[in-house]
């Protein structure tokens, strides 16, 4: 990586599409696909597209499922997910529609399991990526908030969003799991079938 005259990280052969409208540099994913699919990985350009306001379903890029509690997020149940709700959750995972949430529960293997959360309000707060320095080794998978000076030195690969006052949605998660085993549409789920 190189640095321009303003101290911003840049590609030697930088193209206009390498930076978003706000001027931040994004990772390039090029080449031929090989190997198995990485279910939790999101192509940087696609993830950035579906995280725009309002966020779209991370799988189909259509409208994410909403009910009276807000938009649906299906998240890995890791130590980073708070145990008390409502709460704010920081994530790079896009929301989901019911069909794709059902598919994900059936096909994605997460040792930690899943939670379903809903929120009415989200804020895009920053990016994750590799932070470069002229004097230090690169720091991979760093959270960089928009107001930080490091935004000029990060090659971003994911938008970071805050789910404000998220609530746990165990009822939808239970219905999605049961439906995945039955292979039929959800009964009692709000919203039109897709």
N, C-alpha and C. Protein backbone atom coordinates (compact mmCIF):
# COMPACT_ATOMS: atom_id res chain seq x y z
N UNK A 1 0.85 -1.18 0.00
CA UNK A 1 0.00 0.00 0.00
C UNK A 1 0.89 1.24 0.00
N UNK A 2 0.37 2.27 -0.61
CA UNK A 2 1.09 3.55 -0.69
C UNK A 2 0.29 4.61 0.05
N UNK A 3 0.90 5.75 0.29
CA UNK A 3 0.23 6.91 0.86
C UNK A 3 0.37 8.08 -0.09
N UNK A 4 -0.74 8.82 -0.28
CA UNK A 4 -0.69 9.97 -1.18
C UNK A 4 -0.16 11.19 -0.42
N UNK A 5 -0.13 12.34 -1.10
CA UNK A 5 0.43 13.56 -0.51
C UNK A 5 -0.35 14.02 0.71
N UNK A 6 -1.64 13.63 0.83
CA UNK A 6 -2.45 14.01 1.98
C UNK A 6 -2.38 12.98 3.11
N UNK A 7 -1.55 11.94 2.97
CA UNK A 7 -1.41 10.94 4.00
C UNK A 7 -2.48 9.86 3.96
N UNK A 8 -3.27 9.82 2.87
CA UNK A 8 -4.30 8.79 2.73
C UNK A 8 -3.69 7.55 2.09
N UNK A 9 -4.11 6.38 2.59
CA UNK A 9 -3.68 5.14 1.98
C UNK A 9 -4.30 5.06 0.58
N UNK A 10 -3.54 4.50 -0.38
CA UNK A 10 -4.05 4.42 -1.75
C UNK A 10 -3.43 3.22 -2.46
N UNK A 11 -4.09 2.82 -3.54
CA UNK A 11 -3.53 1.80 -4.43
C UNK A 11 -2.63 2.49 -5.44
N UNK A 12 -1.58 1.80 -5.86
CA UNK A 12 -0.69 2.36 -6.88
C UNK A 12 -1.46 2.60 -8.18
N UNK A 13 -2.37 1.67 -8.50
CA UNK A 13 -3.15 1.77 -9.73
C UNK A 13 -4.62 2.09 -9.41
N UNK A 14 -4.84 3.01 -8.48
CA UNK A 14 -6.20 3.28 -7.99
C UNK A 14 -7.15 3.69 -9.11
N UNK A 15 -8.34 3.12 -9.04
CA UNK A 15 -9.40 3.40 -10.01
C UNK A 15 -10.50 4.18 -9.32
N UNK A 16 -11.34 4.91 -10.08
CA UNK A 16 -12.41 5.69 -9.46
C UNK A 16 -13.35 4.86 -8.58
N UNK A 17 -13.60 3.59 -8.92
CA UNK A 17 -14.49 2.75 -8.14
C UNK A 17 -13.88 2.20 -6.86
N UNK A 18 -12.60 2.47 -6.62
CA UNK A 18 -11.95 1.95 -5.41
C UNK A 18 -12.35 2.72 -4.15
N UNK A 19 -12.87 3.91 -4.33
CA UNK A 19 -13.31 4.72 -3.19
C UNK A 19 -14.81 4.94 -3.26
N UNK A 20 -15.44 4.96 -2.10
CA UNK A 20 -16.88 5.25 -2.06
C UNK A 20 -17.08 6.75 -2.21
N UNK A 21 -18.31 7.19 -2.23
CA UNK A 21 -18.63 8.60 -2.43
C UNK A 21 -18.03 9.48 -1.33
N UNK A 22 -17.80 8.90 -0.14
CA UNK A 22 -17.22 9.67 0.96
C UNK A 22 -15.69 9.71 0.90
N UNK A 23 -15.08 9.02 -0.06
CA UNK A 23 -13.64 9.09 -0.25
C UNK A 23 -12.85 8.01 0.46
N UNK A 24 -13.52 7.02 1.06
CA UNK A 24 -12.80 5.97 1.77
C UNK A 24 -12.44 4.86 0.80
N UNK A 25 -11.25 4.29 1.00
CA UNK A 25 -10.73 3.24 0.13
C UNK A 25 -11.30 1.89 0.55
N UNK A 26 -11.71 1.08 -0.46
CA UNK A 26 -12.31 -0.23 -0.22
C UNK A 26 -11.46 -1.33 -0.80
N UNK A 27 -11.48 -2.48 -0.12
CA UNK A 27 -10.78 -3.68 -0.58
C UNK A 27 -11.27 -4.10 -1.95
N UNK A 28 -10.35 -4.62 -2.74
CA UNK A 28 -10.71 -5.21 -4.03
C UNK A 28 -10.79 -6.72 -3.86
N UNK A 29 -11.84 -7.30 -4.37
CA UNK A 29 -11.94 -8.77 -4.43
C UNK A 29 -12.00 -9.10 -5.90
N UNK A 30 -10.95 -9.73 -6.39
CA UNK A 30 -10.86 -10.04 -7.81
C UNK A 30 -10.52 -11.50 -8.00
N UNK A 31 -10.55 -11.94 -9.25
CA UNK A 31 -10.11 -13.28 -9.58
C UNK A 31 -11.25 -14.26 -9.73
N UNK A 32 -10.88 -15.51 -9.88
CA UNK A 32 -11.83 -16.60 -10.08
C UNK A 32 -12.18 -17.22 -8.74
N UNK A 33 -13.46 -17.51 -8.55
CA UNK A 33 -13.89 -18.16 -7.31
C UNK A 33 -13.36 -19.58 -7.28
N UNK A 34 -12.80 -19.96 -6.14
CA UNK A 34 -12.32 -21.33 -5.93
C UNK A 34 -12.71 -21.75 -4.52
N UNK A 35 -12.81 -23.07 -4.31
CA UNK A 35 -13.09 -23.58 -2.98
C UNK A 35 -14.55 -23.45 -2.61
N UNK A 36 -14.84 -23.80 -1.38
CA UNK A 36 -16.21 -23.74 -0.88
C UNK A 36 -16.64 -22.32 -0.55
N UNK A 37 -17.93 -22.14 -0.42
CA UNK A 37 -18.48 -20.84 -0.10
C UNK A 37 -18.25 -20.52 1.36
N UNK A 38 -17.87 -19.27 1.64
CA UNK A 38 -17.69 -18.79 3.00
C UNK A 38 -18.98 -18.08 3.39
N UNK A 39 -19.83 -18.76 4.15
CA UNK A 39 -21.18 -18.28 4.40
C UNK A 39 -21.21 -16.97 5.17
N UNK A 40 -20.28 -16.76 6.08
CA UNK A 40 -20.30 -15.54 6.89
C UNK A 40 -19.55 -14.39 6.25
N UNK A 41 -18.89 -14.63 5.11
CA UNK A 41 -18.13 -13.59 4.43
C UNK A 41 -19.03 -12.84 3.45
N UNK A 42 -18.82 -11.55 3.34
CA UNK A 42 -19.59 -10.73 2.41
C UNK A 42 -18.64 -9.98 1.50
N UNK A 43 -18.90 -10.02 0.20
CA UNK A 43 -18.12 -9.23 -0.75
C UNK A 43 -18.21 -7.76 -0.34
N UNK A 44 -17.08 -7.03 -0.26
CA UNK A 44 -17.12 -5.66 0.24
C UNK A 44 -18.11 -4.75 -0.48
N UNK A 45 -18.16 -4.80 -1.80
CA UNK A 45 -19.08 -3.91 -2.54
C UNK A 45 -20.54 -4.29 -2.27
N UNK A 46 -20.82 -5.59 -2.20
CA UNK A 46 -22.20 -6.03 -1.95
C UNK A 46 -22.62 -5.70 -0.51
N UNK A 47 -21.74 -5.97 0.45
CA UNK A 47 -22.07 -5.69 1.85
C UNK A 47 -22.33 -4.20 2.03
N UNK A 48 -21.51 -3.36 1.41
CA UNK A 48 -21.71 -1.91 1.51
C UNK A 48 -23.05 -1.51 0.90
N UNK A 49 -23.42 -2.15 -0.21
CA UNK A 49 -24.69 -1.85 -0.87
C UNK A 49 -25.88 -2.21 0.01
N UNK A 50 -25.89 -3.40 0.60
CA UNK A 50 -27.06 -3.82 1.39
C UNK A 50 -27.13 -3.14 2.75
N UNK A 51 -26.04 -2.55 3.23
CA UNK A 51 -26.06 -1.86 4.52
C UNK A 51 -26.50 -0.40 4.41
N UNK A 52 -26.71 0.09 3.19
CA UNK A 52 -27.17 1.47 3.04
C UNK A 52 -28.53 1.63 3.70
N UNK A 53 -28.92 2.88 3.95
CA UNK A 53 -30.16 3.13 4.68
C UNK A 53 -31.34 3.22 3.72
N UNK A 54 -32.39 2.45 3.87
CA UNK A 54 -32.50 1.41 4.90
C UNK A 54 -31.76 0.17 4.46
N UNK A 55 -31.23 -0.59 5.42
CA UNK A 55 -30.52 -1.81 5.05
C UNK A 55 -31.44 -2.81 4.36
N UNK A 56 -30.86 -3.62 3.48
CA UNK A 56 -31.58 -4.65 2.74
C UNK A 56 -31.14 -6.02 3.22
N UNK A 57 -31.89 -7.05 2.85
CA UNK A 57 -31.55 -8.42 3.20
C UNK A 57 -30.15 -8.74 2.66
N UNK A 58 -29.29 -9.27 3.51
CA UNK A 58 -27.92 -9.57 3.11
C UNK A 58 -27.79 -10.68 2.09
N UNK A 59 -28.82 -11.51 1.94
CA UNK A 59 -28.75 -12.63 1.00
C UNK A 59 -29.32 -12.26 -0.37
N UNK A 60 -30.55 -11.74 -0.40
CA UNK A 60 -31.22 -11.48 -1.68
C UNK A 60 -31.20 -10.01 -2.09
N UNK A 61 -30.78 -9.11 -1.21
CA UNK A 61 -30.75 -7.67 -1.45
C UNK A 61 -32.14 -7.08 -1.69
N UNK A 62 -33.17 -7.77 -1.20
CA UNK A 62 -34.54 -7.25 -1.23
C UNK A 62 -34.86 -6.68 0.15
N UNK A 63 -36.10 -6.28 0.35
CA UNK A 63 -36.49 -5.70 1.63
C UNK A 63 -36.35 -6.72 2.76
N UNK A 64 -35.73 -6.30 3.86
CA UNK A 64 -35.60 -7.17 5.03
C UNK A 64 -36.95 -7.25 5.74
N UNK A 65 -37.15 -8.33 6.51
CA UNK A 65 -38.43 -8.53 7.20
C UNK A 65 -38.58 -7.51 8.33
N UNK A 66 -39.79 -6.96 8.44
CA UNK A 66 -40.13 -6.02 9.52
C UNK A 66 -41.42 -6.47 10.17
N UNK A 67 -41.53 -6.20 11.46
CA UNK A 67 -42.79 -6.33 12.17
C UNK A 67 -42.88 -5.15 13.14
N UNK A 68 -43.78 -5.21 14.11
CA UNK A 68 -43.98 -4.08 15.02
C UNK A 68 -42.74 -3.79 15.87
N UNK A 69 -41.83 -4.75 16.00
CA UNK A 69 -40.60 -4.54 16.78
C UNK A 69 -39.43 -4.06 15.92
N UNK A 70 -39.62 -4.05 14.60
CA UNK A 70 -38.56 -3.56 13.72
C UNK A 70 -38.05 -4.59 12.76
N UNK A 71 -36.87 -4.32 12.22
CA UNK A 71 -36.24 -5.13 11.20
C UNK A 71 -35.53 -6.33 11.83
N UNK A 72 -35.50 -7.46 11.10
CA UNK A 72 -34.95 -8.72 11.60
C UNK A 72 -33.46 -8.85 11.29
N UNK A 73 -32.68 -9.18 12.33
CA UNK A 73 -31.27 -9.54 12.20
C UNK A 73 -31.09 -10.94 12.75
N UNK A 74 -30.40 -11.81 12.01
CA UNK A 74 -30.03 -13.13 12.47
C UNK A 74 -28.53 -13.09 12.71
N UNK A 75 -28.12 -13.19 13.97
CA UNK A 75 -26.73 -12.98 14.36
C UNK A 75 -26.16 -14.22 15.02
N UNK A 76 -24.85 -14.44 14.86
CA UNK A 76 -24.18 -15.50 15.60
C UNK A 76 -24.24 -15.16 17.09
N UNK A 77 -24.52 -16.14 17.91
CA UNK A 77 -24.62 -15.95 19.37
C UNK A 77 -23.23 -16.05 19.97
N UNK A 78 -22.42 -15.03 19.77
CA UNK A 78 -21.05 -15.00 20.28
C UNK A 78 -21.00 -14.24 21.59
N UNK A 79 -19.82 -14.22 22.18
CA UNK A 79 -19.63 -13.49 23.44
C UNK A 79 -19.84 -11.99 23.25
N UNK A 80 -19.76 -11.50 22.00
CA UNK A 80 -19.94 -10.07 21.74
C UNK A 80 -21.41 -9.65 21.80
N UNK A 81 -22.33 -10.60 21.72
CA UNK A 81 -23.75 -10.28 21.79
C UNK A 81 -24.14 -10.13 23.26
N UNK A 82 -24.71 -8.99 23.63
CA UNK A 82 -25.07 -8.77 25.03
C UNK A 82 -26.09 -9.80 25.53
N UNK A 83 -26.13 -9.99 26.83
CA UNK A 83 -27.07 -10.94 27.41
C UNK A 83 -28.34 -10.26 27.90
N UNK A 84 -28.34 -8.94 28.00
CA UNK A 84 -29.53 -8.21 28.46
C UNK A 84 -30.08 -7.36 27.32
N UNK A 85 -31.37 -7.40 27.14
CA UNK A 85 -32.05 -6.66 26.08
C UNK A 85 -33.13 -5.80 26.69
N UNK A 86 -33.50 -4.67 26.10
CA UNK A 86 -32.98 -4.08 24.86
C UNK A 86 -31.56 -3.54 25.06
N UNK A 87 -30.82 -3.48 23.95
CA UNK A 87 -29.43 -3.03 23.99
C UNK A 87 -29.00 -2.59 22.59
N UNK A 88 -27.88 -1.92 22.53
CA UNK A 88 -27.27 -1.59 21.25
C UNK A 88 -26.34 -2.74 20.86
N UNK A 89 -26.36 -3.12 19.59
CA UNK A 89 -25.49 -4.18 19.08
C UNK A 89 -24.71 -3.62 17.90
N UNK A 90 -23.40 -3.81 17.91
CA UNK A 90 -22.54 -3.40 16.81
C UNK A 90 -22.30 -4.64 15.94
N UNK A 91 -22.55 -4.52 14.63
CA UNK A 91 -22.41 -5.68 13.76
C UNK A 91 -22.05 -5.26 12.33
N UNK A 92 -21.50 -6.21 11.59
CA UNK A 92 -21.27 -6.05 10.15
C UNK A 92 -22.25 -6.92 9.37
N UNK A 93 -23.12 -7.61 10.08
CA UNK A 93 -24.08 -8.51 9.45
C UNK A 93 -25.31 -7.74 8.98
N UNK A 94 -25.71 -7.87 7.72
CA UNK A 94 -26.93 -7.22 7.24
C UNK A 94 -28.17 -7.90 7.81
N UNK A 95 -29.33 -7.24 7.73
CA UNK A 95 -30.59 -7.86 8.16
C UNK A 95 -31.00 -8.96 7.18
N UNK A 96 -32.14 -9.61 7.46
CA UNK A 96 -32.58 -10.71 6.61
C UNK A 96 -34.08 -10.66 6.37
N UNK A 97 -34.49 -11.23 5.25
CA UNK A 97 -35.90 -11.51 5.02
C UNK A 97 -36.18 -12.88 5.63
N UNK A 98 -37.44 -13.25 5.78
CA UNK A 98 -37.79 -14.53 6.41
C UNK A 98 -37.29 -15.73 5.60
N UNK A 99 -37.45 -15.70 4.28
CA UNK A 99 -37.02 -16.83 3.46
C UNK A 99 -35.53 -17.09 3.61
N UNK A 100 -34.73 -16.03 3.56
CA UNK A 100 -33.28 -16.22 3.66
C UNK A 100 -32.84 -16.53 5.08
N UNK A 101 -33.54 -16.02 6.09
CA UNK A 101 -33.23 -16.38 7.48
C UNK A 101 -33.51 -17.87 7.70
N UNK A 102 -34.61 -18.34 7.14
CA UNK A 102 -34.95 -19.77 7.23
C UNK A 102 -33.86 -20.61 6.57
N UNK A 103 -33.45 -20.20 5.38
CA UNK A 103 -32.40 -20.90 4.64
C UNK A 103 -31.08 -20.90 5.42
N UNK A 104 -30.72 -19.75 6.00
CA UNK A 104 -29.47 -19.63 6.74
C UNK A 104 -29.45 -20.56 7.95
N UNK A 105 -30.54 -20.62 8.68
CA UNK A 105 -30.60 -21.51 9.84
C UNK A 105 -30.45 -22.98 9.43
N UNK A 106 -30.97 -23.31 8.27
CA UNK A 106 -30.92 -24.69 7.80
C UNK A 106 -29.53 -25.05 7.25
N UNK A 107 -28.82 -24.09 6.66
CA UNK A 107 -27.59 -24.39 5.93
C UNK A 107 -26.30 -23.88 6.55
N UNK A 108 -26.37 -22.86 7.38
CA UNK A 108 -25.15 -22.30 7.96
C UNK A 108 -24.81 -23.03 9.25
N UNK A 109 -23.58 -23.40 9.38
CA UNK A 109 -23.12 -24.09 10.59
C UNK A 109 -22.37 -23.10 11.46
N UNK A 110 -22.97 -22.74 12.58
CA UNK A 110 -22.31 -21.86 13.53
C UNK A 110 -22.24 -22.58 14.86
N UNK A 111 -21.03 -22.86 15.31
CA UNK A 111 -20.86 -23.58 16.58
C UNK A 111 -21.48 -22.82 17.74
N UNK A 112 -21.52 -21.50 17.63
CA UNK A 112 -22.04 -20.69 18.73
C UNK A 112 -23.56 -20.56 18.70
N UNK A 113 -24.21 -20.97 17.61
CA UNK A 113 -25.65 -20.83 17.49
C UNK A 113 -26.04 -19.44 16.99
N UNK A 114 -27.33 -19.16 17.01
CA UNK A 114 -27.85 -17.89 16.48
C UNK A 114 -28.80 -17.24 17.47
N UNK A 115 -28.94 -15.93 17.32
CA UNK A 115 -30.03 -15.20 17.97
C UNK A 115 -30.75 -14.42 16.87
N UNK A 116 -32.01 -14.13 17.11
CA UNK A 116 -32.75 -13.21 16.25
C UNK A 116 -32.97 -11.94 17.05
N UNK A 117 -32.66 -10.81 16.45
CA UNK A 117 -32.86 -9.52 17.10
C UNK A 117 -33.61 -8.62 16.15
N UNK A 118 -34.32 -7.66 16.73
CA UNK A 118 -35.06 -6.68 15.92
C UNK A 118 -34.80 -5.28 16.46
N UNK A 119 -34.83 -4.32 15.54
CA UNK A 119 -34.69 -2.93 15.92
C UNK A 119 -35.42 -2.05 14.92
N UNK A 120 -35.87 -0.91 15.41
CA UNK A 120 -36.52 0.08 14.54
C UNK A 120 -35.54 1.14 14.06
N UNK A 121 -34.36 1.21 14.70
CA UNK A 121 -33.43 2.31 14.42
C UNK A 121 -32.01 1.78 14.29
N UNK A 122 -31.33 2.16 13.21
CA UNK A 122 -29.94 1.76 12.99
C UNK A 122 -29.11 2.98 12.63
N UNK A 123 -27.83 2.90 12.95
CA UNK A 123 -26.86 3.93 12.55
C UNK A 123 -25.67 3.24 11.91
N UNK A 124 -25.24 3.72 10.75
CA UNK A 124 -24.00 3.25 10.16
C UNK A 124 -22.91 4.08 10.83
N UNK A 125 -21.97 3.41 11.54
CA UNK A 125 -21.04 4.14 12.40
C UNK A 125 -19.59 4.08 11.97
N UNK A 126 -19.24 3.17 11.05
CA UNK A 126 -17.85 3.05 10.65
C UNK A 126 -17.63 1.88 9.72
N UNK A 127 -16.39 1.40 9.69
CA UNK A 127 -16.01 0.30 8.82
C UNK A 127 -15.10 -0.66 9.59
N UNK A 128 -14.95 -1.85 9.03
CA UNK A 128 -13.90 -2.78 9.46
C UNK A 128 -12.97 -2.94 8.28
N UNK A 129 -11.69 -3.09 8.57
CA UNK A 129 -10.73 -3.26 7.50
C UNK A 129 -9.31 -3.29 8.04
N UNK A 130 -8.35 -3.16 7.14
CA UNK A 130 -6.94 -3.17 7.50
C UNK A 130 -6.43 -1.74 7.57
N UNK A 131 -5.86 -1.39 8.72
CA UNK A 131 -5.31 -0.05 8.93
C UNK A 131 -3.81 -0.10 8.62
N UNK A 132 -3.36 0.81 7.75
CA UNK A 132 -1.97 0.88 7.34
C UNK A 132 -1.30 2.09 7.96
N UNK A 133 0.01 1.97 8.15
CA UNK A 133 0.81 3.06 8.71
C UNK A 133 2.14 3.08 7.96
N UNK A 134 2.72 4.27 7.77
CA UNK A 134 4.03 4.31 7.11
C UNK A 134 5.14 3.69 7.97
N UNK A 135 4.90 3.54 9.28
CA UNK A 135 5.97 3.08 10.17
C UNK A 135 5.67 1.79 10.92
N UNK A 136 4.42 1.35 10.93
CA UNK A 136 4.02 0.16 11.71
C UNK A 136 3.49 -0.92 10.77
N UNK A 137 3.47 -2.19 11.23
CA UNK A 137 2.86 -3.25 10.40
C UNK A 137 1.35 -3.02 10.27
N UNK A 138 0.72 -3.54 9.20
CA UNK A 138 -0.73 -3.39 9.04
C UNK A 138 -1.48 -4.08 10.17
N UNK A 139 -2.61 -3.49 10.55
CA UNK A 139 -3.48 -4.04 11.58
C UNK A 139 -4.76 -4.49 10.90
N UNK A 140 -4.98 -5.82 10.84
CA UNK A 140 -6.13 -6.38 10.12
C UNK A 140 -7.38 -6.38 10.99
N UNK A 141 -8.53 -6.35 10.33
CA UNK A 141 -9.85 -6.47 10.95
C UNK A 141 -10.07 -5.49 12.09
N UNK A 142 -9.70 -4.24 11.87
CA UNK A 142 -9.87 -3.18 12.86
C UNK A 142 -11.21 -2.49 12.66
N UNK A 143 -11.87 -2.15 13.76
CA UNK A 143 -13.05 -1.29 13.73
C UNK A 143 -12.57 0.14 13.70
N UNK A 144 -12.99 0.89 12.68
CA UNK A 144 -12.61 2.30 12.56
C UNK A 144 -13.90 3.10 12.41
N UNK A 145 -14.14 3.99 13.37
CA UNK A 145 -15.34 4.83 13.35
C UNK A 145 -15.12 6.02 12.41
N UNK A 146 -16.20 6.51 11.84
CA UNK A 146 -16.11 7.54 10.82
C UNK A 146 -15.37 8.80 11.28
N UNK A 147 -15.47 9.16 12.56
CA UNK A 147 -14.85 10.39 13.03
C UNK A 147 -13.35 10.24 13.33
N UNK A 148 -12.83 9.01 13.26
CA UNK A 148 -11.42 8.78 13.59
C UNK A 148 -10.50 9.20 12.44
N UNK A 149 -9.31 9.69 12.79
CA UNK A 149 -8.33 10.05 11.76
C UNK A 149 -7.84 8.83 11.00
N UNK A 150 -7.98 7.62 11.60
CA UNK A 150 -7.55 6.40 10.92
C UNK A 150 -8.37 6.10 9.67
N UNK A 151 -9.51 6.75 9.49
CA UNK A 151 -10.32 6.52 8.27
C UNK A 151 -9.50 6.79 7.01
N UNK A 152 -8.50 7.67 7.10
CA UNK A 152 -7.64 7.96 5.94
C UNK A 152 -6.62 6.87 5.69
N UNK A 153 -6.46 5.95 6.67
CA UNK A 153 -5.43 4.92 6.54
C UNK A 153 -6.01 3.51 6.50
N UNK A 154 -7.33 3.38 6.40
CA UNK A 154 -7.96 2.06 6.40
C UNK A 154 -8.35 1.67 4.98
N UNK A 155 -8.15 0.39 4.66
CA UNK A 155 -8.72 -0.20 3.46
C UNK A 155 -9.90 -1.03 3.97
N UNK A 156 -11.09 -0.50 3.77
CA UNK A 156 -12.30 -1.07 4.36
C UNK A 156 -12.76 -2.31 3.60
N UNK A 157 -13.39 -3.24 4.35
CA UNK A 157 -14.01 -4.39 3.69
C UNK A 157 -15.44 -4.63 4.16
N UNK A 158 -15.88 -3.93 5.21
CA UNK A 158 -17.26 -4.08 5.69
C UNK A 158 -17.72 -2.79 6.37
N UNK A 159 -18.98 -2.44 6.12
CA UNK A 159 -19.61 -1.35 6.86
C UNK A 159 -19.98 -1.88 8.24
N UNK A 160 -19.96 -1.00 9.23
CA UNK A 160 -20.33 -1.36 10.60
C UNK A 160 -21.58 -0.58 10.96
N UNK A 161 -22.55 -1.30 11.52
CA UNK A 161 -23.84 -0.70 11.84
C UNK A 161 -24.16 -0.94 13.32
N UNK A 162 -24.83 0.04 13.93
CA UNK A 162 -25.29 -0.12 15.31
C UNK A 162 -26.79 -0.32 15.29
N UNK A 163 -27.24 -1.44 15.87
CA UNK A 163 -28.66 -1.69 16.05
C UNK A 163 -29.04 -1.03 17.38
N UNK A 164 -29.84 0.02 17.31
CA UNK A 164 -30.17 0.81 18.49
C UNK A 164 -31.35 0.20 19.24
N UNK A 165 -31.18 -0.02 20.53
CA UNK A 165 -32.24 -0.58 21.39
C UNK A 165 -32.82 -1.86 20.80
N UNK A 166 -31.95 -2.75 20.37
CA UNK A 166 -32.40 -4.03 19.79
C UNK A 166 -33.07 -4.89 20.85
N UNK A 167 -34.09 -5.63 20.41
CA UNK A 167 -34.79 -6.57 21.28
C UNK A 167 -34.58 -7.98 20.75
N UNK A 168 -34.56 -8.94 21.66
CA UNK A 168 -34.44 -10.33 21.29
C UNK A 168 -35.77 -10.82 20.74
N UNK A 169 -35.74 -11.61 19.67
CA UNK A 169 -36.97 -12.14 19.06
C UNK A 169 -36.90 -13.66 19.04
N UNK A 170 -37.12 -14.27 20.20
CA UNK A 170 -37.06 -15.72 20.31
C UNK A 170 -38.21 -16.40 19.58
N UNK A 171 -39.37 -15.73 19.49
CA UNK A 171 -40.53 -16.34 18.83
C UNK A 171 -40.25 -16.56 17.34
N UNK A 172 -39.73 -15.55 16.66
CA UNK A 172 -39.42 -15.71 15.24
C UNK A 172 -38.32 -16.75 15.04
N UNK A 173 -37.31 -16.74 15.90
CA UNK A 173 -36.23 -17.72 15.77
C UNK A 173 -36.78 -19.14 15.93
N UNK A 174 -37.65 -19.36 16.89
CA UNK A 174 -38.25 -20.69 17.08
C UNK A 174 -39.08 -21.10 15.87
N UNK A 175 -39.87 -20.16 15.32
CA UNK A 175 -40.68 -20.49 14.15
C UNK A 175 -39.81 -20.78 12.93
N UNK A 176 -38.74 -20.01 12.77
CA UNK A 176 -37.83 -20.25 11.64
C UNK A 176 -37.17 -21.61 11.75
N UNK A 177 -36.74 -21.97 12.94
CA UNK A 177 -36.11 -23.29 13.13
C UNK A 177 -37.10 -24.41 12.86
N UNK A 178 -38.31 -24.29 13.39
CA UNK A 178 -39.33 -25.32 13.18
C UNK A 178 -39.69 -25.42 11.70
N UNK A 179 -39.80 -24.28 11.04
CA UNK A 179 -40.15 -24.27 9.62
C UNK A 179 -39.04 -24.89 8.78
N UNK A 180 -37.79 -24.68 9.16
CA UNK A 180 -36.68 -25.26 8.41
C UNK A 180 -36.73 -26.77 8.41
N UNK A 181 -37.23 -27.37 9.49
CA UNK A 181 -37.33 -28.82 9.55
C UNK A 181 -38.57 -29.32 8.80
N UNK A 182 -39.63 -28.50 8.76
CA UNK A 182 -40.85 -28.91 8.06
C UNK A 182 -40.79 -28.59 6.58
N UNK A 183 -40.01 -27.55 6.22
CA UNK A 183 -39.89 -27.16 4.82
C UNK A 183 -41.14 -26.52 4.27
N UNK A 184 -41.91 -25.79 5.09
CA UNK A 184 -43.08 -25.09 4.58
C UNK A 184 -43.11 -23.68 5.13
N UNK A 185 -44.01 -22.88 4.64
CA UNK A 185 -44.06 -21.47 5.00
C UNK A 185 -44.39 -21.30 6.48
N UNK A 186 -43.94 -20.20 7.03
CA UNK A 186 -44.20 -19.89 8.43
C UNK A 186 -45.68 -19.64 8.65
N UNK A 187 -46.19 -20.18 9.71
CA UNK A 187 -47.57 -19.88 10.11
C UNK A 187 -47.52 -18.78 11.14
N UNK A 188 -48.34 -17.78 10.96
CA UNK A 188 -48.42 -16.70 11.93
C UNK A 188 -47.33 -15.66 11.81
N UNK A 189 -46.44 -15.79 10.84
CA UNK A 189 -45.41 -14.78 10.68
C UNK A 189 -46.03 -13.54 10.06
N UNK A 190 -45.61 -12.38 10.56
CA UNK A 190 -46.15 -11.15 9.99
C UNK A 190 -45.47 -10.83 8.67
N UNK A 191 -46.16 -10.08 7.85
CA UNK A 191 -45.62 -9.70 6.56
C UNK A 191 -46.01 -10.68 5.48
N UNK A 192 -45.99 -10.24 4.24
CA UNK A 192 -46.38 -11.11 3.13
C UNK A 192 -45.34 -12.16 2.85
N UNK A 193 -45.75 -13.36 2.39
CA UNK A 193 -44.76 -14.37 2.01
C UNK A 193 -43.99 -13.90 0.79
N UNK A 194 -42.77 -14.35 0.65
CA UNK A 194 -41.94 -13.99 -0.49
C UNK A 194 -41.65 -15.21 -1.32
